[in-house]
Amino acid sequence: MKELKYLHSVSTLKLNTSKCTGCGMCIQVCPHAVFQITNRKAEIADLDACMECGACARNCPAAAIDLKPGVGCAAAIISGWLRRTEPTCGCSGSGSNCC
């Protein structure tokens, strides 16, 4: 089966490696193998495979992962295409809180 990919570089997923303890919980709970462990720290191996489900952020004991689950930019863009409307992902529209 071909690997599932979403839209290029639109996921809201962010990883703070300075907070990461390297426990590997993100790898265990991620359904699409977005993360890998390198030098005892998690890193994002495939951002475009992230479906923004939020499992990694909810299960990270170090709170090193941040994303907007369920209403992310990828879902908004795809819904906009399907509905022929502008994408709406809940971003504030400006600054660092915007896609």
N, C-alpha and C. Protein backbone atom coordinates (compact mmCIF):
# COMPACT_ATOMS: atom_id res chain seq x y z
N MET A 1 0.83 -1.18 0.00
CA MET A 1 0.00 0.00 0.00
C MET A 1 0.87 1.25 0.00
N LYS A 2 0.48 2.21 -0.77
CA LYS A 2 1.23 3.46 -0.88
C LYS A 2 1.11 4.25 0.42
N GLU A 3 2.20 4.88 0.84
CA GLU A 3 2.22 5.66 2.07
C GLU A 3 1.30 6.87 1.96
N LEU A 4 0.48 7.10 2.99
CA LEU A 4 -0.45 8.21 2.99
C LEU A 4 0.27 9.52 3.28
N LYS A 5 0.07 10.50 2.44
CA LYS A 5 0.65 11.83 2.64
C LYS A 5 -0.47 12.84 2.59
N TYR A 6 -0.29 13.93 3.31
CA TYR A 6 -1.25 15.01 3.31
C TYR A 6 -0.66 16.14 2.47
N LEU A 7 -0.98 17.34 2.76
CA LEU A 7 -0.46 18.47 2.00
C LEU A 7 0.93 18.84 2.51
N HIS A 8 1.78 19.29 1.62
CA HIS A 8 3.17 19.59 1.96
C HIS A 8 3.27 20.77 2.93
N SER A 9 3.90 20.53 4.06
CA SER A 9 4.25 21.55 5.05
C SER A 9 3.08 22.38 5.57
N VAL A 10 1.93 21.76 5.79
CA VAL A 10 0.80 22.51 6.36
C VAL A 10 0.41 22.04 7.75
N SER A 11 0.99 20.98 8.23
CA SER A 11 0.65 20.48 9.56
C SER A 11 1.04 21.50 10.63
N THR A 12 0.24 21.59 11.67
CA THR A 12 0.51 22.51 12.77
C THR A 12 1.46 21.91 13.81
N LEU A 13 1.94 20.71 13.58
CA LEU A 13 2.82 20.00 14.50
C LEU A 13 4.13 20.74 14.75
N LYS A 14 4.45 20.91 16.03
CA LYS A 14 5.72 21.51 16.44
C LYS A 14 6.31 20.65 17.54
N LEU A 15 7.62 20.48 17.52
CA LEU A 15 8.33 19.69 18.52
C LEU A 15 9.41 20.56 19.15
N ASN A 16 9.38 20.67 20.47
CA ASN A 16 10.39 21.42 21.21
C ASN A 16 11.43 20.41 21.71
N THR A 17 12.52 20.28 20.98
CA THR A 17 13.52 19.26 21.32
C THR A 17 14.22 19.54 22.64
N SER A 18 14.22 20.79 23.08
CA SER A 18 14.86 21.07 24.38
C SER A 18 14.04 20.51 25.54
N LYS A 19 12.74 20.31 25.35
CA LYS A 19 11.88 19.71 26.37
C LYS A 19 11.85 18.18 26.27
N CYS A 20 12.17 17.65 25.10
CA CYS A 20 12.05 16.22 24.84
C CYS A 20 13.00 15.41 25.73
N THR A 21 12.46 14.34 26.33
CA THR A 21 13.27 13.46 27.17
C THR A 21 13.69 12.19 26.43
N GLY A 22 13.19 12.01 25.21
CA GLY A 22 13.54 10.83 24.43
C GLY A 22 12.84 9.56 24.86
N CYS A 23 11.69 9.69 25.53
CA CYS A 23 10.98 8.52 26.05
C CYS A 23 10.40 7.63 24.95
N GLY A 24 10.13 8.20 23.78
CA GLY A 24 9.61 7.43 22.66
C GLY A 24 8.10 7.25 22.65
N MET A 25 7.39 7.90 23.56
CA MET A 25 5.94 7.77 23.59
C MET A 25 5.31 8.26 22.29
N CYS A 26 5.84 9.32 21.71
CA CYS A 26 5.30 9.84 20.45
C CYS A 26 5.37 8.79 19.34
N ILE A 27 6.44 8.02 19.32
CA ILE A 27 6.59 6.96 18.33
C ILE A 27 5.56 5.86 18.55
N GLN A 28 5.31 5.54 19.81
CA GLN A 28 4.36 4.47 20.13
C GLN A 28 2.93 4.83 19.75
N VAL A 29 2.54 6.09 19.93
CA VAL A 29 1.14 6.46 19.71
C VAL A 29 0.84 7.03 18.33
N CYS A 30 1.84 7.43 17.59
CA CYS A 30 1.62 8.03 16.27
C CYS A 30 1.22 6.96 15.25
N PRO A 31 0.05 7.11 14.62
CA PRO A 31 -0.40 6.10 13.66
C PRO A 31 0.30 6.16 12.30
N HIS A 32 1.08 7.22 12.04
CA HIS A 32 1.70 7.37 10.73
C HIS A 32 3.21 7.51 10.75
N ALA A 33 3.85 7.11 11.82
CA ALA A 33 5.32 7.13 11.92
C ALA A 33 5.92 8.50 11.58
N VAL A 34 5.36 9.53 12.17
CA VAL A 34 5.84 10.89 11.94
C VAL A 34 7.17 11.14 12.66
N PHE A 35 7.39 10.45 13.79
CA PHE A 35 8.57 10.70 14.63
C PHE A 35 9.60 9.60 14.53
N GLN A 36 10.82 9.95 14.91
CA GLN A 36 11.90 8.98 15.09
C GLN A 36 12.77 9.49 16.23
N ILE A 37 13.54 8.60 16.83
CA ILE A 37 14.47 8.98 17.89
C ILE A 37 15.88 9.01 17.29
N THR A 38 16.54 10.13 17.48
CA THR A 38 17.92 10.30 17.04
C THR A 38 18.70 10.94 18.19
N ASN A 39 19.81 10.34 18.56
CA ASN A 39 20.63 10.85 19.66
C ASN A 39 19.80 11.10 20.92
N ARG A 40 18.94 10.13 21.25
CA ARG A 40 18.12 10.15 22.46
C ARG A 40 17.11 11.28 22.54
N LYS A 41 16.72 11.80 21.39
CA LYS A 41 15.69 12.85 21.31
C LYS A 41 14.76 12.51 20.15
N ALA A 42 13.49 12.86 20.33
CA ALA A 42 12.56 12.69 19.22
C ALA A 42 12.83 13.76 18.18
N GLU A 43 12.52 13.43 16.94
CA GLU A 43 12.55 14.42 15.87
C GLU A 43 11.44 14.08 14.90
N ILE A 44 11.01 15.08 14.17
CA ILE A 44 9.96 14.87 13.19
C ILE A 44 10.61 14.30 11.94
N ALA A 45 10.25 13.07 11.63
CA ALA A 45 10.84 12.39 10.48
C ALA A 45 10.05 12.65 9.20
N ASP A 46 8.73 12.84 9.34
CA ASP A 46 7.89 13.02 8.16
C ASP A 46 6.68 13.89 8.49
N LEU A 47 6.86 15.20 8.48
CA LEU A 47 5.81 16.15 8.81
C LEU A 47 4.58 15.96 7.93
N ASP A 48 4.79 15.66 6.67
CA ASP A 48 3.67 15.54 5.73
C ASP A 48 2.81 14.30 5.96
N ALA A 49 3.26 13.38 6.82
CA ALA A 49 2.45 12.22 7.16
C ALA A 49 1.54 12.50 8.36
N CYS A 50 1.74 13.64 9.01
CA CYS A 50 0.94 13.98 10.20
C CYS A 50 -0.49 14.31 9.81
N MET A 51 -1.44 13.61 10.48
CA MET A 51 -2.86 13.87 10.21
C MET A 51 -3.48 14.71 11.33
N GLU A 52 -2.64 15.25 12.19
CA GLU A 52 -3.05 16.14 13.27
C GLU A 52 -4.10 15.52 14.18
N CYS A 53 -3.92 14.25 14.53
CA CYS A 53 -4.87 13.57 15.42
C CYS A 53 -4.68 14.00 16.86
N GLY A 54 -3.48 14.42 17.23
CA GLY A 54 -3.21 14.90 18.57
C GLY A 54 -2.73 13.86 19.56
N ALA A 55 -2.62 12.61 19.14
CA ALA A 55 -2.20 11.54 20.06
C ALA A 55 -0.82 11.81 20.65
N CYS A 56 0.08 12.31 19.86
CA CYS A 56 1.44 12.57 20.34
C CYS A 56 1.45 13.65 21.42
N ALA A 57 0.77 14.74 21.18
CA ALA A 57 0.76 15.85 22.14
C ALA A 57 0.07 15.44 23.44
N ARG A 58 -1.03 14.70 23.34
CA ARG A 58 -1.77 14.28 24.54
C ARG A 58 -0.97 13.29 25.37
N ASN A 59 -0.08 12.54 24.76
CA ASN A 59 0.65 11.49 25.47
C ASN A 59 2.10 11.84 25.79
N CYS A 60 2.57 13.00 25.39
CA CYS A 60 3.95 13.39 25.68
C CYS A 60 4.07 13.83 27.13
N PRO A 61 4.81 13.07 27.96
CA PRO A 61 4.93 13.43 29.38
C PRO A 61 5.74 14.69 29.61
N ALA A 62 6.52 15.12 28.64
CA ALA A 62 7.36 16.31 28.79
C ALA A 62 6.72 17.56 28.19
N ALA A 63 5.53 17.41 27.62
CA ALA A 63 4.84 18.53 26.95
C ALA A 63 5.72 19.18 25.89
N ALA A 64 6.44 18.35 25.14
CA ALA A 64 7.36 18.86 24.12
C ALA A 64 6.71 18.99 22.75
N ILE A 65 5.46 18.55 22.63
CA ILE A 65 4.79 18.54 21.33
C ILE A 65 3.57 19.45 21.38
N ASP A 66 3.42 20.24 20.33
CA ASP A 66 2.29 21.15 20.24
C ASP A 66 1.68 21.03 18.84
N LEU A 67 0.37 20.98 18.79
CA LEU A 67 -0.35 21.03 17.53
C LEU A 67 -1.81 21.31 17.80
N LYS A 68 -2.54 21.65 16.75
CA LYS A 68 -3.97 21.92 16.85
C LYS A 68 -4.69 20.69 16.29
N PRO A 69 -5.03 19.74 17.15
CA PRO A 69 -5.63 18.50 16.66
C PRO A 69 -7.04 18.69 16.11
N GLY A 70 -7.34 17.97 15.05
CA GLY A 70 -8.68 17.91 14.50
C GLY A 70 -9.10 19.08 13.64
N VAL A 71 -8.51 20.24 13.82
CA VAL A 71 -8.92 21.40 13.05
C VAL A 71 -7.73 22.03 12.34
N GLY A 72 -6.76 21.22 12.04
CA GLY A 72 -5.52 21.73 11.46
C GLY A 72 -5.66 22.23 10.05
N CYS A 73 -4.61 22.83 9.61
CA CYS A 73 -4.58 23.47 8.29
C CYS A 73 -4.79 22.48 7.16
N ALA A 74 -4.21 21.28 7.27
CA ALA A 74 -4.37 20.30 6.19
C ALA A 74 -5.84 19.95 6.01
N ALA A 75 -6.54 19.68 7.11
CA ALA A 75 -7.96 19.35 7.03
C ALA A 75 -8.75 20.51 6.47
N ALA A 76 -8.41 21.73 6.88
CA ALA A 76 -9.13 22.91 6.41
C ALA A 76 -8.95 23.12 4.91
N ILE A 77 -7.75 22.94 4.42
CA ILE A 77 -7.49 23.13 3.00
C ILE A 77 -8.22 22.07 2.17
N ILE A 78 -8.17 20.83 2.61
CA ILE A 78 -8.86 19.77 1.89
C ILE A 78 -10.37 20.01 1.90
N SER A 79 -10.93 20.39 3.05
CA SER A 79 -12.37 20.68 3.13
C SER A 79 -12.74 21.84 2.22
N GLY A 80 -11.90 22.85 2.19
CA GLY A 80 -12.14 23.99 1.31
C GLY A 80 -12.17 23.59 -0.15
N TRP A 81 -11.25 22.73 -0.55
CA TRP A 81 -11.25 22.24 -1.93
C TRP A 81 -12.53 21.48 -2.24
N LEU A 82 -12.91 20.59 -1.32
CA LEU A 82 -14.10 19.77 -1.55
C LEU A 82 -15.37 20.59 -1.57
N ARG A 83 -15.45 21.59 -0.71
CA ARG A 83 -16.66 22.42 -0.62
C ARG A 83 -16.60 23.65 -1.51
N ARG A 84 -15.45 23.86 -2.13
CA ARG A 84 -15.21 25.04 -2.97
C ARG A 84 -15.40 26.32 -2.18
N THR A 85 -14.83 26.31 -0.97
CA THR A 85 -14.86 27.47 -0.09
C THR A 85 -13.45 27.78 0.36
N GLU A 86 -13.29 28.90 1.04
CA GLU A 86 -12.00 29.24 1.61
C GLU A 86 -11.70 28.32 2.79
N PRO A 87 -10.46 27.91 2.98
CA PRO A 87 -10.12 27.07 4.13
C PRO A 87 -10.26 27.84 5.43
N THR A 88 -10.80 27.19 6.44
CA THR A 88 -10.91 27.77 7.77
C THR A 88 -10.36 26.77 8.77
N CYS A 89 -9.25 27.12 9.40
CA CYS A 89 -8.62 26.17 10.32
C CYS A 89 -8.54 26.67 11.74
N GLY A 90 -9.14 27.81 12.04
CA GLY A 90 -9.12 28.30 13.40
C GLY A 90 -7.94 29.17 13.74
N CYS A 91 -7.11 29.49 12.77
CA CYS A 91 -5.98 30.36 13.03
C CYS A 91 -6.48 31.79 13.30
N SER A 92 -5.69 32.56 14.00
CA SER A 92 -6.09 33.92 14.32
C SER A 92 -6.02 34.83 13.11
N GLY A 93 -5.27 34.44 12.10
CA GLY A 93 -5.18 35.26 10.89
C GLY A 93 -3.93 36.10 10.79
N SER A 94 -3.14 36.18 11.85
CA SER A 94 -1.92 36.95 11.78
C SER A 94 -0.91 36.46 12.80
N GLY A 95 0.32 36.83 12.59
CA GLY A 95 1.37 36.50 13.55
C GLY A 95 1.68 35.02 13.65
N SER A 96 2.25 34.61 14.79
CA SER A 96 2.71 33.24 14.96
C SER A 96 1.57 32.25 15.13
N ASN A 97 0.35 32.72 15.40
CA ASN A 97 -0.80 31.82 15.56
C ASN A 97 -1.49 31.52 14.25
N CYS A 98 -0.94 32.02 13.17
CA CYS A 98 -1.56 31.81 11.86
C CYS A 98 -0.76 30.80 11.05
N CYS A 99 -1.45 30.07 10.22
CA CYS A 99 -0.79 29.10 9.35
C CYS A 99 0.10 29.81 8.37
